[in-house]
Amino acid sequence: AMPGSSQEMTIAIAIPFTLVFAPLSAIGFLIGVNKGGLVGGAIPAILI
């Protein structure tokens, strides 16, 4: 929802922090980021 950001950038930043997670938790978290980013990306486009 923040202009100038993207889910790809967030995934890239978050990947190193998932080293300590279990595989399913780590990849599930990153997929959640990707899916949430697709929804959030439309917010500033629609509002402003």
All heavy atoms as atom14 arrays in JSON, in Angstrom:
{
  "sequence": "AMPGSSQEMTIAIAIPFTLVFAPLSAIGFLIGVNKGGLVGGAIPAILI",
  "atom14_mask": [
    [1, 1, 1, 1, 1, 0, 0, 0, 0, 0, 0, 0, 0, 0],
    [1, 1, 1, 1, 1, 1, 1, 1, 0, 0, 0, 0, 0, 0],
    [1, 1, 1, 1, 1, 1, 1, 0, 0, 0, 0, 0, 0, 0],
    [1, 1, 1, 1, 0, 0, 0, 0, 0, 0, 0, 0, 0, 0],
    [1, 1, 1, 1, 1, 1, 0, 0, 0, 0, 0, 0, 0, 0],
    [1, 1, 1, 1, 1, 1, 0, 0, 0, 0, 0, 0, 0, 0],
    [1, 1, 1, 1, 1, 1, 1, 1, 1, 0, 0, 0, 0, 0],
    [1, 1, 1, 1, 1, 1, 1, 1, 1, 0, 0, 0, 0, 0],
    [1, 1, 1, 1, 1, 1, 1, 1, 0, 0, 0, 0, 0, 0],
    [1, 1, 1, 1, 1, 1, 1, 0, 0, 0, 0, 0, 0, 0],
    [1, 1, 1, 1, 1, 1, 1, 1, 0, 0, 0, 0, 0, 0],
    [1, 1, 1, 1, 1, 0, 0, 0, 0, 0, 0, 0, 0, 0],
    [1, 1, 1, 1, 1, 1, 1, 1, 0, 0, 0, 0, 0, 0],
    [1, 1, 1, 1, 1, 0, 0, 0, 0, 0, 0, 0, 0, 0],
    [1, 1, 1, 1, 1, 1, 1, 1, 0, 0, 0, 0, 0, 0],
    [1, 1, 1, 1, 1, 1, 1, 0, 0, 0, 0, 0, 0, 0],
    [1, 1, 1, 1, 1, 1, 1, 1, 1, 1, 1, 0, 0, 0],
    [1, 1, 1, 1, 1, 1, 1, 0, 0, 0, 0, 0, 0, 0],
    [1, 1, 1, 1, 1, 1, 1, 1, 0, 0, 0, 0, 0, 0],
    [1, 1, 1, 1, 1, 1, 1, 0, 0, 0, 0, 0, 0, 0],
    [1, 1, 1, 1, 1, 1, 1, 1, 1, 1, 1, 0, 0, 0],
    [1, 1, 1, 1, 1, 0, 0, 0, 0, 0, 0, 0, 0, 0],
    [1, 1, 1, 1, 1, 1, 1, 0, 0, 0, 0, 0, 0, 0],
    [1, 1, 1, 1, 1, 1, 1, 1, 0, 0, 0, 0, 0, 0],
    [1, 1, 1, 1, 1, 1, 0, 0, 0, 0, 0, 0, 0, 0],
    [1, 1, 1, 1, 1, 0, 0, 0, 0, 0, 0, 0, 0, 0],
    [1, 1, 1, 1, 1, 1, 1, 1, 0, 0, 0, 0, 0, 0],
    [1, 1, 1, 1, 0, 0, 0, 0, 0, 0, 0, 0, 0, 0],
    [1, 1, 1, 1, 1, 1, 1, 1, 1, 1, 1, 0, 0, 0],
    [1, 1, 1, 1, 1, 1, 1, 1, 0, 0, 0, 0, 0, 0],
    [1, 1, 1, 1, 1, 1, 1, 1, 0, 0, 0, 0, 0, 0],
    [1, 1, 1, 1, 0, 0, 0, 0, 0, 0, 0, 0, 0, 0],
    [1, 1, 1, 1, 1, 1, 1, 0, 0, 0, 0, 0, 0, 0],
    [1, 1, 1, 1, 1, 1, 1, 1, 0, 0, 0, 0, 0, 0],
    [1, 1, 1, 1, 1, 1, 1, 1, 1, 0, 0, 0, 0, 0],
    [1, 1, 1, 1, 0, 0, 0, 0, 0, 0, 0, 0, 0, 0],
    [1, 1, 1, 1, 0, 0, 0, 0, 0, 0, 0, 0, 0, 0],
    [1, 1, 1, 1, 1, 1, 1, 1, 0, 0, 0, 0, 0, 0],
    [1, 1, 1, 1, 1, 1, 1, 0, 0, 0, 0, 0, 0, 0],
    [1, 1, 1, 1, 0, 0, 0, 0, 0, 0, 0, 0, 0, 0],
    [1, 1, 1, 1, 0, 0, 0, 0, 0, 0, 0, 0, 0, 0],
    [1, 1, 1, 1, 1, 0, 0, 0, 0, 0, 0, 0, 0, 0],
    [1, 1, 1, 1, 1, 1, 1, 1, 0, 0, 0, 0, 0, 0],
    [1, 1, 1, 1, 1, 1, 1, 0, 0, 0, 0, 0, 0, 0],
    [1, 1, 1, 1, 1, 0, 0, 0, 0, 0, 0, 0, 0, 0],
    [1, 1, 1, 1, 1, 1, 1, 1, 0, 0, 0, 0, 0, 0],
    [1, 1, 1, 1, 1, 1, 1, 1, 0, 0, 0, 0, 0, 0],
    [1, 1, 1, 1, 1, 1, 1, 1, 0, 0, 0, 0, 0, 0]
  ],
  "atom14_positions": [
    [[0.8, -1.22, 0.0], [0.0, 0.0, 0.0], [0.84, 1.27, 0.0], [0.3, 2.37, -0.17], [-0.93, 0.01, 1.21], [0.0, 0.0, 0.0], [0.0, 0.0, 0.0], [0.0, 0.0, 0.0], [0.0, 0.0, 0.0], [0.0, 0.0, 0.0], [0.0, 0.0, 0.0], [0.0, 0.0, 0.0], [0.0, 0.0, 0.0], [0.0, 0.0, 0.0]],
    [[2.15, 1.14, 0.18], [3.03, 2.31, 0.19], [3.62, 2.5, -1.2], [4.35, 1.63, -1.69], [4.15, 2.15, 1.21], [3.68, 2.1, 2.65], [5.06, 2.22, 3.81], [5.98, 0.74, 3.41], [0.0, 0.0, 0.0], [0.0, 0.0, 0.0], [0.0, 0.0, 0.0], [0.0, 0.0, 0.0], [0.0, 0.0, 0.0], [0.0, 0.0, 0.0]],
    [[3.33, 3.61, -1.87], [3.93, 3.86, -3.19], [5.45, 3.82, -3.12], [6.05, 4.37, -2.2], [3.42, 5.27, -3.54], [2.22, 5.46, -2.68], [2.47, 4.72, -1.42], [0.0, 0.0, 0.0], [0.0, 0.0, 0.0], [0.0, 0.0, 0.0], [0.0, 0.0, 0.0], [0.0, 0.0, 0.0], [0.0, 0.0, 0.0], [0.0, 0.0, 0.0]],
    [[6.05, 3.18, -4.09], [7.5, 3.09, -4.11], [8.02, 1.78, -3.56], [9.2, 1.49, -3.69], [0.0, 0.0, 0.0], [0.0, 0.0, 0.0], [0.0, 0.0, 0.0], [0.0, 0.0, 0.0], [0.0, 0.0, 0.0], [0.0, 0.0, 0.0], [0.0, 0.0, 0.0], [0.0, 0.0, 0.0], [0.0, 0.0, 0.0], [0.0, 0.0, 0.0]],
    [[7.15, 0.99, -2.93], [7.56, -0.3, -2.4], [6.93, -1.41, -3.23], [6.04, -1.17, -4.03], [7.14, -0.42, -0.94], [7.68, 0.62, -0.16], [0.0, 0.0, 0.0], [0.0, 0.0, 0.0], [0.0, 0.0, 0.0], [0.0, 0.0, 0.0], [0.0, 0.0, 0.0], [0.0, 0.0, 0.0], [0.0, 0.0, 0.0], [0.0, 0.0, 0.0]],
    [[7.38, -2.62, -3.01], [6.82, -3.76, -3.73], [7.02, -5.01, -2.92], [7.9, -5.08, -2.04], [7.5, -3.92, -5.1], [8.85, -4.3, -4.93], [0.0, 0.0, 0.0], [0.0, 0.0, 0.0], [0.0, 0.0, 0.0], [0.0, 0.0, 0.0], [0.0, 0.0, 0.0], [0.0, 0.0, 0.0], [0.0, 0.0, 0.0], [0.0, 0.0, 0.0]],
    [[6.2, -6.03, -3.2], [6.34, -7.29, -2.49], [7.65, -7.97, -2.84], [8.23, -8.69, -2.01], [5.15, -8.21, -2.74], [5.06, -8.78, -4.15], [4.21, -7.91, -5.05], [4.06, -6.72, -4.81], [3.64, -8.52, -6.09], [0.0, 0.0, 0.0], [0.0, 0.0, 0.0], [0.0, 0.0, 0.0], [0.0, 0.0, 0.0], [0.0, 0.0, 0.0]],
    [[8.15, -7.77, -4.07], [9.43, -8.38, -4.45], [10.57, -7.85, -3.57], [11.41, -8.62, -3.11], [9.75, -8.11, -5.92], [8.88, -8.88, -6.9], [7.62, -8.12, -7.28], [7.39, -7.02, -6.69], [6.86, -8.6, -8.13], [0.0, 0.0, 0.0], [0.0, 0.0, 0.0], [0.0, 0.0, 0.0], [0.0, 0.0, 0.0], [0.0, 0.0, 0.0]],
    [[10.56, -6.52, -3.34], [11.6, -5.93, -2.51], [11.49, -6.46, -1.08], [12.51, -6.78, -0.44], [11.46, -4.4, -2.52], [12.53, -3.67, -1.71], [12.35, -1.88, -1.82], [10.86, -1.64, -0.84], [0.0, 0.0, 0.0], [0.0, 0.0, 0.0], [0.0, 0.0, 0.0], [0.0, 0.0, 0.0], [0.0, 0.0, 0.0], [0.0, 0.0, 0.0]],
    [[10.28, -6.59, -0.57], [10.08, -7.09, 0.78], [10.52, -8.54, 0.9], [11.15, -8.94, 1.89], [8.59, -6.97, 1.18], [8.15, -5.65, 0.91], [8.4, -7.26, 2.65], [0.0, 0.0, 0.0], [0.0, 0.0, 0.0], [0.0, 0.0, 0.0], [0.0, 0.0, 0.0], [0.0, 0.0, 0.0], [0.0, 0.0, 0.0], [0.0, 0.0, 0.0]],
    [[10.2, -9.37, -0.11], [10.63, -10.76, -0.1], [12.14, -10.85, -0.08], [12.74, -11.64, 0.69], [10.05, -11.52, -1.31], [8.54, -11.68, -1.18], [10.7, -12.89, -1.45], [7.88, -12.24, -2.42], [0.0, 0.0, 0.0], [0.0, 0.0, 0.0], [0.0, 0.0, 0.0], [0.0, 0.0, 0.0], [0.0, 0.0, 0.0], [0.0, 0.0, 0.0]],
    [[12.8, -10.03, -0.91], [14.27, -10.06, -0.99], [14.9, -9.7, 0.35], [15.89, -10.3, 0.78], [14.75, -9.1, -2.08], [0.0, 0.0, 0.0], [0.0, 0.0, 0.0], [0.0, 0.0, 0.0], [0.0, 0.0, 0.0], [0.0, 0.0, 0.0], [0.0, 0.0, 0.0], [0.0, 0.0, 0.0], [0.0, 0.0, 0.0], [0.0, 0.0, 0.0]],
    [[14.31, -8.71, 1.04], [14.84, -8.28, 2.34], [14.55, -9.33, 3.41], [15.37, -9.56, 4.31], [14.23, -6.92, 2.74], [14.7, -5.83, 1.77], [14.61, -6.55, 4.17], [14.02, -4.49, 1.98], [0.0, 0.0, 0.0], [0.0, 0.0, 0.0], [0.0, 0.0, 0.0], [0.0, 0.0, 0.0], [0.0, 0.0, 0.0], [0.0, 0.0, 0.0]],
    [[13.38, -10.0, 3.31], [12.95, -10.92, 4.37], [13.62, -12.29, 4.28], [13.7, -12.99, 5.3], [11.43, -11.09, 4.32], [0.0, 0.0, 0.0], [0.0, 0.0, 0.0], [0.0, 0.0, 0.0], [0.0, 0.0, 0.0], [0.0, 0.0, 0.0], [0.0, 0.0, 0.0], [0.0, 0.0, 0.0], [0.0, 0.0, 0.0], [0.0, 0.0, 0.0]],
    [[14.09, -12.69, 3.09], [14.63, -14.04, 2.93], [15.74, -14.37, 3.94], [15.7, -15.44, 4.57], [15.12, -14.25, 1.48], [13.92, -14.49, 0.55], [16.07, -15.45, 1.39], [14.29, -14.61, -0.91], [0.0, 0.0, 0.0], [0.0, 0.0, 0.0], [0.0, 0.0, 0.0], [0.0, 0.0, 0.0], [0.0, 0.0, 0.0], [0.0, 0.0, 0.0]],
    [[16.73, -13.49, 4.18], [17.77, -13.85, 5.15], [17.24, -14.09, 6.56], [17.81, -14.88, 7.32], [18.71, -12.62, 5.13], [18.46, -11.99, 3.8], [17.02, -12.2, 3.52], [0.0, 0.0, 0.0], [0.0, 0.0, 0.0], [0.0, 0.0, 0.0], [0.0, 0.0, 0.0], [0.0, 0.0, 0.0], [0.0, 0.0, 0.0], [0.0, 0.0, 0.0]],
    [[16.13, -13.43, 6.92], [15.59, -13.58, 8.27], [14.82, -14.89, 8.44], [14.46, -15.25, 9.57], [14.66, -12.4, 8.59], [15.37, -11.08, 8.64], [15.36, -10.23, 7.53], [16.05, -10.67, 9.77], [16.01, -9.02, 7.56], [16.71, -9.45, 9.81], [16.7, -8.62, 8.71], [0.0, 0.0, 0.0], [0.0, 0.0, 0.0], [0.0, 0.0, 0.0]],
    [[14.55, -15.6, 7.33], [13.82, -16.86, 7.42], [14.74, -18.07, 7.62], [14.26, -19.2, 7.66], [12.96, -17.08, 6.15], [13.83, -17.18, 5.0], [11.99, -15.93, 5.95], [0.0, 0.0, 0.0], [0.0, 0.0, 0.0], [0.0, 0.0, 0.0], [0.0, 0.0, 0.0], [0.0, 0.0, 0.0], [0.0, 0.0, 0.0], [0.0, 0.0, 0.0]],
    [[16.04, -17.81, 7.75], [17.0, -18.9, 7.92], [16.69, -19.75, 9.15], [16.88, -20.97, 9.16], [18.42, -18.34, 8.03], [19.12, -17.94, 6.73], [20.36, -17.13, 7.02], [19.47, -19.17, 5.92], [0.0, 0.0, 0.0], [0.0, 0.0, 0.0], [0.0, 0.0, 0.0], [0.0, 0.0, 0.0], [0.0, 0.0, 0.0], [0.0, 0.0, 0.0]],
    [[16.19, -19.11, 10.21], [15.96, -19.81, 11.48], [14.58, -20.45, 11.53], [14.25, -21.12, 12.51], [16.15, -18.85, 12.67], [17.58, -18.36, 12.75], [15.2, -17.65, 12.56], [0.0, 0.0, 0.0], [0.0, 0.0, 0.0], [0.0, 0.0, 0.0], [0.0, 0.0, 0.0], [0.0, 0.0, 0.0], [0.0, 0.0, 0.0], [0.0, 0.0, 0.0]],
    [[13.74, -20.22, 10.51], [12.4, -20.79, 10.52], [12.42, -22.22, 9.96], [13.34, -22.61, 9.23], [11.45, -19.96, 9.65], [11.28, -18.53, 10.08], [10.74, -17.59, 9.21], [11.66, -18.11, 11.34], [10.58, -16.27, 9.59], [11.51, -16.79, 11.74], [10.97, -15.86, 10.86], [0.0, 0.0, 0.0], [0.0, 0.0, 0.0], [0.0, 0.0, 0.0]],
    [[11.38, -22.98, 10.3], [11.18, -24.28, 9.66], [10.82, -24.04, 8.2], [10.29, -22.99, 7.85], [10.06, -25.04, 10.37], [0.0, 0.0, 0.0], [0.0, 0.0, 0.0], [0.0, 0.0, 0.0], [0.0, 0.0, 0.0], [0.0, 0.0, 0.0], [0.0, 0.0, 0.0], [0.0, 0.0, 0.0], [0.0, 0.0, 0.0], [0.0, 0.0, 0.0]],
    [[11.14, -24.99, 7.29], [10.9, -24.76, 5.86], [9.49, -24.3, 5.52], [9.3, -23.35, 4.77], [11.21, -26.12, 5.24], [12.21, -26.74, 6.16], [11.81, -26.28, 7.54], [0.0, 0.0, 0.0], [0.0, 0.0, 0.0], [0.0, 0.0, 0.0], [0.0, 0.0, 0.0], [0.0, 0.0, 0.0], [0.0, 0.0, 0.0], [0.0, 0.0, 0.0]],
    [[8.46, -24.97, 6.06], [7.08, -24.62, 5.73], [6.74, -23.24, 6.26], [6.09, -22.44, 5.57], [6.11, -25.66, 6.29], [4.63, -25.41, 5.99], [4.39, -25.32, 4.48], [3.77, -26.52, 6.59], [0.0, 0.0, 0.0], [0.0, 0.0, 0.0], [0.0, 0.0, 0.0], [0.0, 0.0, 0.0], [0.0, 0.0, 0.0], [0.0, 0.0, 0.0]],
    [[7.18, -22.91, 7.46], [6.91, -21.58, 8.04], [7.6, -20.49, 7.23], [7.02, -19.44, 6.96], [7.37, -21.53, 9.49], [6.68, -22.46, 10.29], [0.0, 0.0, 0.0], [0.0, 0.0, 0.0], [0.0, 0.0, 0.0], [0.0, 0.0, 0.0], [0.0, 0.0, 0.0], [0.0, 0.0, 0.0], [0.0, 0.0, 0.0], [0.0, 0.0, 0.0]],
    [[8.85, -20.74, 6.85], [9.63, -19.74, 6.11], [9.0, -19.45, 4.75], [8.75, -18.29, 4.4], [11.07, -20.23, 5.94], [0.0, 0.0, 0.0], [0.0, 0.0, 0.0], [0.0, 0.0, 0.0], [0.0, 0.0, 0.0], [0.0, 0.0, 0.0], [0.0, 0.0, 0.0], [0.0, 0.0, 0.0], [0.0, 0.0, 0.0], [0.0, 0.0, 0.0]],
    [[8.73, -20.5, 3.98], [8.2, -20.3, 2.63], [6.75, -19.82, 2.7], [6.32, -19.0, 1.88], [8.32, -21.6, 1.81], [9.81, -21.98, 1.69], [7.73, -21.42, 0.41], [10.06, -23.34, 1.1], [0.0, 0.0, 0.0], [0.0, 0.0, 0.0], [0.0, 0.0, 0.0], [0.0, 0.0, 0.0], [0.0, 0.0, 0.0], [0.0, 0.0, 0.0]],
    [[5.98, -20.31, 3.68], [4.61, -19.83, 3.86], [4.57, -18.35, 4.19], [3.71, -17.61, 3.7], [0.0, 0.0, 0.0], [0.0, 0.0, 0.0], [0.0, 0.0, 0.0], [0.0, 0.0, 0.0], [0.0, 0.0, 0.0], [0.0, 0.0, 0.0], [0.0, 0.0, 0.0], [0.0, 0.0, 0.0], [0.0, 0.0, 0.0], [0.0, 0.0, 0.0]],
    [[5.53, -17.88, 5.0], [5.62, -16.46, 5.33], [5.9, -15.63, 4.08], [5.25, -14.59, 3.84], [6.73, -16.24, 6.37], [7.07, -14.8, 6.62], [6.26, -14.01, 7.41], [8.22, -14.24, 6.07], [6.57, -12.68, 7.65], [8.54, -12.92, 6.31], [7.71, -12.13, 7.1], [0.0, 0.0, 0.0], [0.0, 0.0, 0.0], [0.0, 0.0, 0.0]],
    [[6.83, -16.08, 3.25], [7.19, -15.33, 2.04], [6.05, -15.33, 1.03], [5.81, -14.32, 0.35], [8.45, -15.94, 1.41], [9.73, -15.84, 2.26], [10.87, -16.58, 1.6], [10.11, -14.39, 2.51], [0.0, 0.0, 0.0], [0.0, 0.0, 0.0], [0.0, 0.0, 0.0], [0.0, 0.0, 0.0], [0.0, 0.0, 0.0], [0.0, 0.0, 0.0]],
    [[5.34, -16.44, 0.92], [4.18, -16.48, 0.02], [3.08, -15.55, 0.53], [2.39, -14.89, -0.25], [3.67, -17.93, -0.13], [4.63, -18.69, -1.04], [2.25, -17.97, -0.68], [4.28, -20.13, -1.26], [0.0, 0.0, 0.0], [0.0, 0.0, 0.0], [0.0, 0.0, 0.0], [0.0, 0.0, 0.0], [0.0, 0.0, 0.0], [0.0, 0.0, 0.0]],
    [[2.93, -15.47, 1.86], [1.99, -14.53, 2.44], [2.35, -13.09, 2.1], [1.47, -12.28, 1.79], [0.0, 0.0, 0.0], [0.0, 0.0, 0.0], [0.0, 0.0, 0.0], [0.0, 0.0, 0.0], [0.0, 0.0, 0.0], [0.0, 0.0, 0.0], [0.0, 0.0, 0.0], [0.0, 0.0, 0.0], [0.0, 0.0, 0.0], [0.0, 0.0, 0.0]],
    [[3.64, -12.77, 2.14], [4.09, -11.43, 1.75], [3.73, -11.13, 0.31], [3.23, -10.05, -0.03], [5.62, -11.29, 1.96], [6.13, -9.99, 1.35], [5.97, -11.34, 3.43], [0.0, 0.0, 0.0], [0.0, 0.0, 0.0], [0.0, 0.0, 0.0], [0.0, 0.0, 0.0], [0.0, 0.0, 0.0], [0.0, 0.0, 0.0], [0.0, 0.0, 0.0]],
    [[3.96, -12.11, -0.56], [3.68, -11.93, -1.98], [2.19, -11.73, -2.23], [1.78, -10.81, -2.97], [4.18, -13.15, -2.77], [4.09, -12.95, -4.27], [4.48, -11.93, -4.81], [3.53, -13.93, -4.95], [0.0, 0.0, 0.0], [0.0, 0.0, 0.0], [0.0, 0.0, 0.0], [0.0, 0.0, 0.0], [0.0, 0.0, 0.0], [0.0, 0.0, 0.0]],
    [[1.35, -12.55, -1.63], [-0.09, -12.44, -1.83], [-0.63, -11.15, -1.21], [-1.49, -10.47, -1.8], [-0.79, -13.65, -1.22], [-0.6, -14.94, -2.0], [-1.29, -16.11, -1.31], [-1.16, -17.39, -2.11], [-1.99, -17.39, -3.31], [0.0, 0.0, 0.0], [0.0, 0.0, 0.0], [0.0, 0.0, 0.0], [0.0, 0.0, 0.0], [0.0, 0.0, 0.0]],
    [[-0.15, -10.78, -0.04], [-0.59, -9.53, 0.58], [-0.18, -8.32, -0.23], [-0.93, -7.34, -0.34], [0.0, 0.0, 0.0], [0.0, 0.0, 0.0], [0.0, 0.0, 0.0], [0.0, 0.0, 0.0], [0.0, 0.0, 0.0], [0.0, 0.0, 0.0], [0.0, 0.0, 0.0], [0.0, 0.0, 0.0], [0.0, 0.0, 0.0], [0.0, 0.0, 0.0]],
    [[1.01, -8.37, -0.83], [1.48, -7.26, -1.66], [0.62, -7.05, -2.89], [0.41, -5.91, -3.32], [0.0, 0.0, 0.0], [0.0, 0.0, 0.0], [0.0, 0.0, 0.0], [0.0, 0.0, 0.0], [0.0, 0.0, 0.0], [0.0, 0.0, 0.0], [0.0, 0.0, 0.0], [0.0, 0.0, 0.0], [0.0, 0.0, 0.0], [0.0, 0.0, 0.0]],
    [[0.1, -8.15, -3.46], [-0.77, -8.03, -4.64], [-2.06, -7.29, -4.29], [-2.57, -6.5, -5.09], [-1.1, -9.41, -5.19], [0.06, -10.16, -5.86], [-0.34, -11.6, -6.17], [0.49, -9.45, -7.14], [0.0, 0.0, 0.0], [0.0, 0.0, 0.0], [0.0, 0.0, 0.0], [0.0, 0.0, 0.0], [0.0, 0.0, 0.0], [0.0, 0.0, 0.0]],
    [[-2.59, -7.53, -3.09], [-3.8, -6.82, -2.64], [-3.47, -5.37, -2.29], [-4.16, -4.44, -2.7], [-4.41, -7.54, -1.41], [-5.5, -6.68, -0.78], [-4.99, -8.88, -1.82], [0.0, 0.0, 0.0], [0.0, 0.0, 0.0], [0.0, 0.0, 0.0], [0.0, 0.0, 0.0], [0.0, 0.0, 0.0], [0.0, 0.0, 0.0], [0.0, 0.0, 0.0]],
    [[-2.38, -5.16, -1.57], [-2.03, -3.81, -1.13], [-1.63, -2.88, -2.26], [-1.85, -1.68, -2.18], [0.0, 0.0, 0.0], [0.0, 0.0, 0.0], [0.0, 0.0, 0.0], [0.0, 0.0, 0.0], [0.0, 0.0, 0.0], [0.0, 0.0, 0.0], [0.0, 0.0, 0.0], [0.0, 0.0, 0.0], [0.0, 0.0, 0.0], [0.0, 0.0, 0.0]],
    [[-1.08, -3.43, -3.35], [-0.61, -2.59, -4.44], [-1.71, -1.79, -5.11], [-1.45, -0.73, -5.7], [0.0, 0.0, 0.0], [0.0, 0.0, 0.0], [0.0, 0.0, 0.0], [0.0, 0.0, 0.0], [0.0, 0.0, 0.0], [0.0, 0.0, 0.0], [0.0, 0.0, 0.0], [0.0, 0.0, 0.0], [0.0, 0.0, 0.0], [0.0, 0.0, 0.0]],
    [[-2.95, -2.28, -5.02], [-4.06, -1.57, -5.66], [-4.56, -0.39, -4.83], [-5.27, 0.47, -5.35], [-5.22, -2.55, -5.91], [0.0, 0.0, 0.0], [0.0, 0.0, 0.0], [0.0, 0.0, 0.0], [0.0, 0.0, 0.0], [0.0, 0.0, 0.0], [0.0, 0.0, 0.0], [0.0, 0.0, 0.0], [0.0, 0.0, 0.0], [0.0, 0.0, 0.0]],
    [[-4.2, -0.34, -3.56], [-4.77, 0.67, -2.66], [-4.41, 2.1, -3.07], [-5.29, 2.93, -3.28], [-4.36, 0.38, -1.2], [-5.02, -0.91, -0.74], [-4.76, 1.54, -0.28], [-4.57, -1.39, 0.62], [0.0, 0.0, 0.0], [0.0, 0.0, 0.0], [0.0, 0.0, 0.0], [0.0, 0.0, 0.0], [0.0, 0.0, 0.0], [0.0, 0.0, 0.0]],
    [[-3.11, 2.45, -3.22], [-2.8, 3.83, -3.63], [-3.26, 4.15, -5.05], [-3.57, 5.3, -5.36], [-1.28, 3.92, -3.49], [-0.81, 2.51, -3.62], [-1.88, 1.67, -3.01], [0.0, 0.0, 0.0], [0.0, 0.0, 0.0], [0.0, 0.0, 0.0], [0.0, 0.0, 0.0], [0.0, 0.0, 0.0], [0.0, 0.0, 0.0], [0.0, 0.0, 0.0]],
    [[-3.29, 3.12, -5.91], [-3.76, 3.34, -7.28], [-5.22, 3.76, -7.29], [-5.63, 4.66, -8.04], [-3.56, 2.08, -8.12], [0.0, 0.0, 0.0], [0.0, 0.0, 0.0], [0.0, 0.0, 0.0], [0.0, 0.0, 0.0], [0.0, 0.0, 0.0], [0.0, 0.0, 0.0], [0.0, 0.0, 0.0], [0.0, 0.0, 0.0], [0.0, 0.0, 0.0]],
    [[-6.03, 3.13, -6.45], [-7.46, 3.44, -6.4], [-7.72, 4.74, -5.66], [-8.52, 5.57, -6.11], [-8.22, 2.27, -5.73], [-8.24, 1.05, -6.65], [-9.65, 2.68, -5.37], [-8.82, -0.2, -6.02], [0.0, 0.0, 0.0], [0.0, 0.0, 0.0], [0.0, 0.0, 0.0], [0.0, 0.0, 0.0], [0.0, 0.0, 0.0], [0.0, 0.0, 0.0]],
    [[-7.04, 4.95, -4.54], [-7.36, 6.1, -3.69], [-6.82, 7.42, -4.22], [-7.51, 8.45, -4.17], [-6.85, 5.86, -2.27], [-7.54, 4.75, -1.48], [-6.9, 4.59, -0.12], [-9.03, 5.04, -1.34], [0.0, 0.0, 0.0], [0.0, 0.0, 0.0], [0.0, 0.0, 0.0], [0.0, 0.0, 0.0], [0.0, 0.0, 0.0], [0.0, 0.0, 0.0]],
    [[-5.59, 7.43, -4.71], [-4.99, 8.71, -5.12], [-4.34, 8.64, -6.5], [-3.51, 9.49, -6.85], [-3.95, 9.21, -4.09], [-2.94, 8.11, -3.75], [-4.64, 9.72, -2.83], [-1.86, 8.54, -2.77], [0.0, 0.0, 0.0], [0.0, 0.0, 0.0], [0.0, 0.0, 0.0], [0.0, 0.0, 0.0], [0.0, 0.0, 0.0], [0.0, 0.0, 0.0]]
  ]
}
